[in-house]
């Protein structure tokens, strides 16, 4: 079932980029950064494949991807700031999020928000949702946009460059990069188990 969904997504993504060019990359990466799990591991390698074919420029592909990430992250940021925080403060206990956890997140983003966003933008799956907690913690918007762009630029360039290098074999690259989602899912499961044990212990 998952393979069919990925195949449908891949076909749609390729159609959008082939039709809209750089604008399509901006659109797709904006969706991916707005807490909607559209795999950049398919978007950017395919754009890199078009670079290989001579239809696009590598640096423009990377910049378009990074711009899309910024565009999509801004509404996710404000959603976290104005919508997410009140809900978490009111109902957080039902999902094991305490006021102490919120204070910890506020402190972490206040002191290390730049590196959190930068590293988060380099991690599959995490990058899709990192803007939401940044908004909840009210991270400085200027720093948020700067490190979102820089981290995303590196991520987009690396994926596009990989697609460019693989050339006509980019299909195998798509599968390879998508496997990272399973790695992150496993790491996420370990984190959830630790998180539950920590809260039930207290």
Protein backbone atom coordinates (compact mmCIF):
# COMPACT_ATOMS: atom_id res chain seq x y z
CA UNK A 1 0.00 0.00 0.00
CA UNK A 2 2.79 2.41 0.93
CA UNK A 3 4.62 1.65 -2.31
CA UNK A 4 1.50 2.54 -4.33
CA UNK A 5 1.08 5.82 -2.48
CA UNK A 6 4.74 6.69 -3.09
CA UNK A 7 4.38 5.83 -6.77
CA UNK A 8 1.31 8.08 -7.11
CA UNK A 9 3.07 10.91 -5.28
CA UNK A 10 6.18 10.51 -7.43
CA UNK A 11 4.13 10.71 -10.64
CA UNK A 12 2.32 13.82 -9.43
CA UNK A 13 5.55 15.48 -8.26
CA UNK A 14 7.25 14.84 -11.58
CA UNK A 15 4.24 16.27 -13.41
CA UNK A 16 4.23 19.45 -11.31
CA UNK A 17 7.95 20.11 -11.78
CA UNK A 18 7.88 19.25 -15.48
CA UNK A 19 4.95 21.65 -16.01
CA UNK A 20 5.83 24.52 -13.67
CA UNK A 21 9.63 24.34 -13.60
CA UNK A 22 11.27 26.24 -10.75
CA UNK A 23 7.88 27.49 -9.58
CA UNK A 24 6.81 23.89 -9.16
CA UNK A 25 9.82 23.22 -6.94
CA UNK A 26 8.94 26.24 -4.79
CA UNK A 27 5.33 25.06 -4.52
CA UNK A 28 6.16 21.45 -3.66
CA UNK A 29 8.83 22.33 -1.08
CA UNK A 30 6.46 24.88 0.47
CA UNK A 31 3.89 22.13 0.92
CA UNK A 32 6.56 19.86 2.42
CA UNK A 33 7.53 22.55 4.95
CA UNK A 34 3.96 23.34 5.97
CA UNK A 35 3.66 20.20 8.13
CA UNK A 36 2.42 18.18 5.14
CA UNK A 37 4.62 15.09 4.59
CA UNK A 38 5.36 15.48 0.88
CA UNK A 39 8.76 13.78 0.40
CA UNK A 40 11.55 16.13 -0.58
CA UNK A 41 13.54 12.93 -1.15
CA UNK A 42 11.56 12.61 -4.39
CA UNK A 43 11.12 16.30 -5.25
CA UNK A 44 14.75 17.41 -5.24
CA UNK A 45 16.40 14.34 -6.81
CA UNK A 46 13.96 14.56 -9.72
CA UNK A 47 14.83 18.25 -10.10
CA UNK A 48 18.48 17.16 -10.12
CA UNK A 49 17.64 14.68 -12.86
CA UNK A 50 16.26 17.57 -14.93
CA UNK A 51 19.57 19.36 -14.33
CA UNK A 52 21.29 16.28 -15.75
CA UNK A 53 19.06 16.55 -18.82
CA UNK A 54 20.03 20.20 -19.24
CA UNK A 55 16.55 21.56 -18.50
CA UNK A 56 17.45 23.32 -15.24
CA UNK A 57 20.43 24.83 -13.39
CA UNK A 58 21.62 23.18 -10.17
CA UNK A 59 22.03 26.35 -8.12
CA UNK A 60 18.60 27.65 -9.18
CA UNK A 61 17.02 24.32 -8.25
CA UNK A 62 18.59 24.49 -4.77
CA UNK A 63 17.54 28.13 -4.24
CA UNK A 64 14.00 27.40 -5.42
CA UNK A 65 13.77 24.52 -2.97
CA UNK A 66 15.07 26.63 -0.09
CA UNK A 67 12.69 29.47 -0.91
CA UNK A 68 9.81 27.02 -0.94
CA UNK A 69 10.84 25.79 2.50
CA UNK A 70 10.78 29.33 3.87
CA UNK A 71 7.40 30.08 2.27
CA UNK A 72 5.84 26.91 3.69
CA UNK A 73 7.44 27.30 7.10
CA UNK A 74 6.05 30.77 7.83
CA UNK A 75 2.35 29.73 8.09
CA UNK A 76 3.40 26.64 10.08
CA UNK A 77 5.34 28.93 12.42
CA UNK A 78 2.35 31.21 13.00
CA UNK A 79 0.06 28.24 13.41
CA UNK A 80 2.30 27.06 16.22
CA UNK A 81 2.44 30.54 17.74
CA UNK A 82 -1.25 31.42 17.72
CA UNK A 83 -2.99 28.08 17.49
CA UNK A 84 -0.71 25.39 18.82
CA UNK A 85 0.38 26.94 22.09
CA UNK A 86 -3.09 27.64 23.58
CA UNK A 87 -4.19 24.13 22.65
CA UNK A 88 -1.10 22.54 24.17
CA UNK A 89 -1.42 24.64 27.34
CA UNK A 90 -5.04 23.58 27.71
CA UNK A 91 -4.99 19.99 26.51
CA UNK A 92 -1.30 19.10 26.59
CA UNK A 93 -1.70 16.88 29.64
CA UNK A 94 -3.80 14.49 27.57
CA UNK A 95 -0.83 13.87 25.26
CA UNK A 96 1.69 13.95 28.11
CA UNK A 97 2.99 17.46 27.43
CA UNK A 98 3.36 19.42 30.66
CA UNK A 99 3.90 23.13 31.30
CA UNK A 100 7.42 22.15 32.31
CA UNK A 101 7.95 20.72 28.82
CA UNK A 102 6.74 23.96 27.27
CA UNK A 103 9.12 25.99 29.42
CA UNK A 104 11.95 23.67 28.42
CA UNK A 105 11.09 24.13 24.73
CA UNK A 106 10.91 27.92 25.17
CA UNK A 107 14.31 27.94 26.84
CA UNK A 108 15.84 25.63 24.22
CA UNK A 109 14.66 27.75 21.29
CA UNK A 110 15.62 30.97 23.05
CA UNK A 111 19.17 29.78 23.68
CA UNK A 112 19.79 27.39 20.79
CA UNK A 113 16.96 28.03 18.33
CA UNK A 114 19.33 28.77 15.47
CA UNK A 115 21.14 25.42 15.66
CA UNK A 116 17.88 23.54 16.36
CA UNK A 117 16.30 24.90 13.19
CA UNK A 118 19.48 24.46 11.15
CA UNK A 119 19.96 20.81 12.14
CA UNK A 120 16.23 20.11 11.97
CA UNK A 121 16.23 21.24 8.34
CA UNK A 122 18.85 18.60 7.56
CA UNK A 123 16.84 15.70 9.02
CA UNK A 124 14.24 13.78 7.00
CA UNK A 125 10.70 13.94 8.45
CA UNK A 126 11.83 16.25 11.29
CA UNK A 127 12.28 19.09 8.78
CA UNK A 128 8.61 18.87 7.81
CA UNK A 129 7.36 19.75 11.31
CA UNK A 130 10.16 21.81 12.90
CA UNK A 131 8.48 25.18 12.17
CA UNK A 132 5.50 24.37 14.40
CA UNK A 133 7.43 24.06 17.71
CA UNK A 134 9.55 27.06 16.69
CA UNK A 135 6.35 29.10 16.49
CA UNK A 136 5.11 27.74 19.81
CA UNK A 137 8.39 28.81 21.42
CA UNK A 138 8.13 32.21 19.67
CA UNK A 139 11.59 31.98 18.18
CA UNK A 140 12.82 35.25 16.69
CA UNK A 141 11.33 35.41 13.19
CA UNK A 142 14.45 36.82 11.54
CA UNK A 143 16.64 34.02 12.87
CA UNK A 144 13.96 31.46 12.05
CA UNK A 145 13.83 32.53 8.40
CA UNK A 146 17.63 32.78 8.09
CA UNK A 147 18.42 29.33 9.48
CA UNK A 148 15.45 27.77 7.72
CA UNK A 149 16.82 29.07 4.41
CA UNK A 150 20.44 28.09 5.06
CA UNK A 151 19.64 24.59 6.35
CA UNK A 152 17.13 24.01 3.57
CA UNK A 153 19.55 25.26 0.92
CA UNK A 154 22.12 22.65 1.96
CA UNK A 155 19.48 19.89 2.07
CA UNK A 156 18.01 20.82 -1.32
CA UNK A 157 21.40 21.16 -2.96
CA UNK A 158 22.62 17.77 -1.72
CA UNK A 159 19.48 15.96 -2.88
CA UNK A 160 19.46 17.73 -6.24
CA UNK A 161 23.18 17.09 -6.71
CA UNK A 162 22.63 13.40 -5.96
CA UNK A 163 19.85 13.30 -8.56
CA UNK A 164 22.15 15.03 -11.05
CA UNK A 165 24.97 12.56 -10.44
CA UNK A 166 22.70 9.55 -10.73
CA UNK A 167 21.40 10.76 -14.08
CA UNK A 168 19.05 8.32 -15.73
CA UNK A 169 19.31 6.01 -12.71
CA UNK A 170 17.49 8.49 -10.48
CA UNK A 171 14.64 5.99 -9.88
CA UNK A 172 16.96 3.89 -7.72
CA UNK A 173 18.04 7.06 -5.92
CA UNK A 174 14.41 7.90 -5.13
CA UNK A 175 13.92 4.56 -3.42
CA UNK A 176 17.22 4.86 -1.56
CA UNK A 177 16.51 8.29 -0.16
CA UNK A 178 12.97 7.42 0.82
CA UNK A 179 14.35 4.66 3.04
CA UNK A 180 15.48 7.44 5.39
CA UNK A 181 11.84 7.84 6.41
CA UNK A 182 11.92 4.36 7.91
CA UNK A 183 15.12 5.16 9.79
CA UNK A 184 13.60 8.35 11.19
CA UNK A 185 10.38 6.50 12.04
CA UNK A 186 12.39 3.97 14.04
CA UNK A 187 14.25 6.74 15.85
CA UNK A 188 10.94 8.47 16.48
CA UNK A 189 9.50 5.30 17.99
CA UNK A 190 12.46 5.01 20.36
CA UNK A 191 11.94 8.65 21.38
CA UNK A 192 8.22 8.07 22.02
CA UNK A 193 8.97 5.05 24.23
CA UNK A 194 11.53 7.08 26.21
CA UNK A 195 9.09 9.99 26.46
CA UNK A 196 6.28 7.80 27.77
CA UNK A 197 8.53 6.09 30.32
CA UNK A 198 9.78 9.47 31.53
CA UNK A 199 6.30 10.90 32.04
CA UNK A 200 4.76 7.82 33.62
CA UNK A 201 7.74 7.59 35.93
CA UNK A 202 7.00 11.08 37.22
